[in-house]
């Protein structure tokens, strides 16, 4: 039960129960595709993926920046500094890599298209908007919470999770 996972201290909304949008290693294809279209910095890549997914996926900087560094080390991307930001561009080797791995890259694109289609995302986008609003509200208020109010909020969230789990299992 979800409540039991929370009581065990497992992370709520993130962690082992949140399905990743990509399999291990797939992000490199997505990033190369994005910088193939136009040079970008890491934050632009994060924003673009969040936009393409209609807000249901926002890669962490801890996933994007190491992938960019790896692509640069492999010679598939190069970077220049502009206005204090590293701007990444695909290299000829990176273009060749995408051609050579066309089947894998196409599979990742197909997965993204299916998963992030309006049919699959439309309803979720409304829910994610409320989730992000709640996340923002909680992050703003945590610094000023006393123990009693923190416990009351926790109980509200536990109840909400239990109710959502019941709805999902209907």
Protein backbone atom coordinates (compact mmCIF):
# COMPACT_ATOMS: atom_id res chain seq x y z
CA UNK A 1 0.00 0.00 0.00
CA UNK A 2 1.24 3.50 -0.85
CA UNK A 3 0.87 4.73 2.73
CA UNK A 4 3.18 1.95 3.93
CA UNK A 5 5.82 3.03 1.42
CA UNK A 6 5.60 6.59 2.71
CA UNK A 7 5.85 5.43 6.32
CA UNK A 8 8.97 3.46 5.41
CA UNK A 9 10.45 6.75 4.22
CA UNK A 10 10.38 6.05 0.50
CA UNK A 11 10.18 9.12 -1.66
CA UNK A 12 6.76 10.29 -2.64
CA UNK A 13 6.15 10.84 -6.42
CA UNK A 14 9.83 10.26 -7.21
CA UNK A 15 11.94 7.22 -6.63
CA UNK A 16 11.38 3.53 -7.28
CA UNK A 17 7.67 3.88 -8.05
CA UNK A 18 8.02 6.60 -10.70
CA UNK A 19 8.54 5.15 -14.15
CA UNK A 20 11.32 6.78 -16.13
CA UNK A 21 10.56 8.14 -19.57
CA UNK A 22 13.69 6.53 -21.00
CA UNK A 23 15.63 3.31 -20.71
CA UNK A 24 19.24 3.52 -19.61
CA UNK A 25 21.28 5.10 -22.41
CA UNK A 26 18.32 6.44 -24.41
CA UNK A 27 18.78 10.04 -23.32
CA UNK A 28 21.89 10.38 -25.49
CA UNK A 29 19.81 9.86 -28.65
CA UNK A 30 17.27 12.45 -27.55
CA UNK A 31 19.93 15.01 -26.68
CA UNK A 32 21.81 14.44 -29.94
CA UNK A 33 18.54 14.90 -31.83
CA UNK A 34 17.90 18.17 -30.00
CA UNK A 35 21.37 19.61 -30.58
CA UNK A 36 21.28 18.38 -34.19
CA UNK A 37 18.33 20.74 -34.75
CA UNK A 38 20.08 23.68 -33.10
CA UNK A 39 22.87 24.32 -30.58
CA UNK A 40 21.54 24.37 -27.02
CA UNK A 41 22.66 24.66 -23.43
CA UNK A 42 21.66 22.11 -20.79
CA UNK A 43 18.79 24.09 -19.31
CA UNK A 44 17.31 24.57 -22.81
CA UNK A 45 17.38 20.80 -23.28
CA UNK A 46 15.58 20.28 -19.98
CA UNK A 47 12.92 22.87 -20.90
CA UNK A 48 12.46 21.44 -24.40
CA UNK A 49 11.90 17.91 -23.09
CA UNK A 50 9.45 19.18 -20.50
CA UNK A 51 7.60 21.05 -23.25
CA UNK A 52 7.59 18.08 -25.64
CA UNK A 53 6.17 15.88 -22.88
CA UNK A 54 3.49 18.46 -22.03
CA UNK A 55 4.91 18.75 -18.53
CA UNK A 56 4.87 15.05 -17.66
CA UNK A 57 8.65 14.65 -17.86
CA UNK A 58 11.34 17.01 -16.69
CA UNK A 59 14.78 15.46 -16.78
CA UNK A 60 16.99 16.33 -13.87
CA UNK A 61 20.19 18.29 -14.38
CA UNK A 62 21.85 15.21 -12.85
CA UNK A 63 20.80 13.24 -15.94
CA UNK A 64 21.25 15.87 -18.66
CA UNK A 65 24.63 17.40 -17.78
CA UNK A 66 26.53 14.11 -17.33
CA UNK A 67 25.04 12.89 -20.63
CA UNK A 68 26.21 16.08 -22.36
CA UNK A 69 29.67 15.63 -20.85
CA UNK A 70 29.74 12.00 -21.98
CA UNK A 71 28.69 12.97 -25.53
CA UNK A 72 31.44 15.57 -25.59
CA UNK A 73 34.04 13.07 -24.33
CA UNK A 74 32.91 10.59 -27.02
CA UNK A 75 33.35 13.28 -29.67
CA UNK A 76 29.63 13.33 -30.55
CA UNK A 77 29.11 16.87 -29.25
CA UNK A 78 31.25 19.94 -28.81
CA UNK A 79 30.71 22.94 -26.60
CA UNK A 80 31.53 26.61 -26.62
CA UNK A 81 30.99 29.10 -23.86
CA UNK A 82 28.58 31.93 -24.52
CA UNK A 83 27.30 34.34 -21.88
CA UNK A 84 28.61 32.09 -19.13
CA UNK A 85 26.79 29.00 -20.47
CA UNK A 86 28.10 25.97 -22.32
CA UNK A 87 26.35 25.70 -25.68
CA UNK A 88 26.42 22.19 -27.15
CA UNK A 89 26.47 21.38 -30.87
CA UNK A 90 26.42 17.98 -32.55
CA UNK A 91 29.65 17.02 -34.32
CA UNK A 92 30.02 15.08 -37.57
CA UNK A 93 30.84 12.02 -35.43
CA UNK A 94 27.58 12.57 -33.53
CA UNK A 95 25.61 12.75 -36.78
CA UNK A 96 27.30 9.56 -37.94
CA UNK A 97 26.49 7.87 -34.61
CA UNK A 98 22.79 8.71 -35.11
CA UNK A 99 22.92 7.29 -38.65
CA UNK A 100 24.68 4.11 -37.51
CA UNK A 101 22.25 3.66 -34.60
CA UNK A 102 19.20 4.69 -36.63
CA UNK A 103 17.10 1.73 -35.42
CA UNK A 104 17.77 2.53 -31.75
CA UNK A 105 17.26 6.26 -32.25
CA UNK A 106 14.01 5.64 -34.16
CA UNK A 107 12.78 3.33 -31.39
CA UNK A 108 13.42 6.04 -28.78
CA UNK A 109 11.62 8.64 -30.94
CA UNK A 110 8.67 6.27 -31.41
CA UNK A 111 8.51 5.61 -27.67
CA UNK A 112 8.49 9.35 -26.97
CA UNK A 113 5.84 10.02 -29.60
CA UNK A 114 3.56 7.31 -28.22
CA UNK A 115 4.11 8.13 -24.56
CA UNK A 116 3.83 11.88 -24.99
CA UNK A 117 0.95 11.94 -27.49
CA UNK A 118 -2.05 14.09 -26.57
CA UNK A 119 -4.11 10.91 -26.28
CA UNK A 120 -1.84 9.67 -23.50
CA UNK A 121 -0.87 13.01 -22.03
CA UNK A 122 -3.99 15.17 -22.22
CA UNK A 123 -5.60 13.92 -19.01
CA UNK A 124 -2.29 13.61 -17.26
CA UNK A 125 -1.32 17.18 -18.11
CA UNK A 126 -4.19 18.51 -16.01
CA UNK A 127 -3.15 16.32 -13.10
CA UNK A 128 0.53 17.27 -13.47
CA UNK A 129 -0.37 20.96 -13.39
CA UNK A 130 -1.96 20.44 -9.97
CA UNK A 131 0.92 18.25 -8.83
CA UNK A 132 3.46 20.94 -9.76
CA UNK A 133 1.37 23.58 -8.00
CA UNK A 134 1.33 21.41 -4.86
CA UNK A 135 5.06 20.75 -5.13
CA UNK A 136 5.72 24.49 -5.44
CA UNK A 137 3.43 25.30 -2.51
CA UNK A 138 5.08 22.73 -0.26
CA UNK A 139 8.63 23.73 -1.18
CA UNK A 140 7.82 27.37 -0.36
CA UNK A 141 6.24 26.57 2.97
CA UNK A 142 8.54 23.91 4.43
CA UNK A 143 11.01 26.33 5.97
CA UNK A 144 8.38 27.85 8.23
CA UNK A 145 6.54 24.68 9.28
CA UNK A 146 6.47 23.62 12.87
CA UNK A 147 6.29 19.92 13.73
CA UNK A 148 2.50 19.93 14.28
CA UNK A 149 1.65 21.56 10.94
CA UNK A 150 4.16 19.33 9.12
CA UNK A 151 2.48 16.25 10.60
CA UNK A 152 -0.99 17.55 9.61
CA UNK A 153 0.16 18.13 6.03
CA UNK A 154 1.74 14.68 5.97
CA UNK A 155 -1.54 13.10 7.04
CA UNK A 156 -3.44 14.98 4.31
CA UNK A 157 -0.94 13.71 1.73
CA UNK A 158 -1.14 10.13 3.04
CA UNK A 159 -4.93 10.25 2.79
CA UNK A 160 -4.79 11.72 -0.70
CA UNK A 161 -2.35 9.02 -1.83
CA UNK A 162 -4.54 6.27 -0.43
CA UNK A 163 -7.59 7.71 -2.18
CA UNK A 164 -5.71 8.09 -5.47
CA UNK A 165 -4.44 4.52 -5.19
CA UNK A 166 -8.01 3.32 -4.66
CA UNK A 167 -9.18 5.23 -7.75
CA UNK A 168 -6.32 3.83 -9.85
CA UNK A 169 -7.12 0.29 -8.73
CA UNK A 170 -10.87 0.52 -9.53
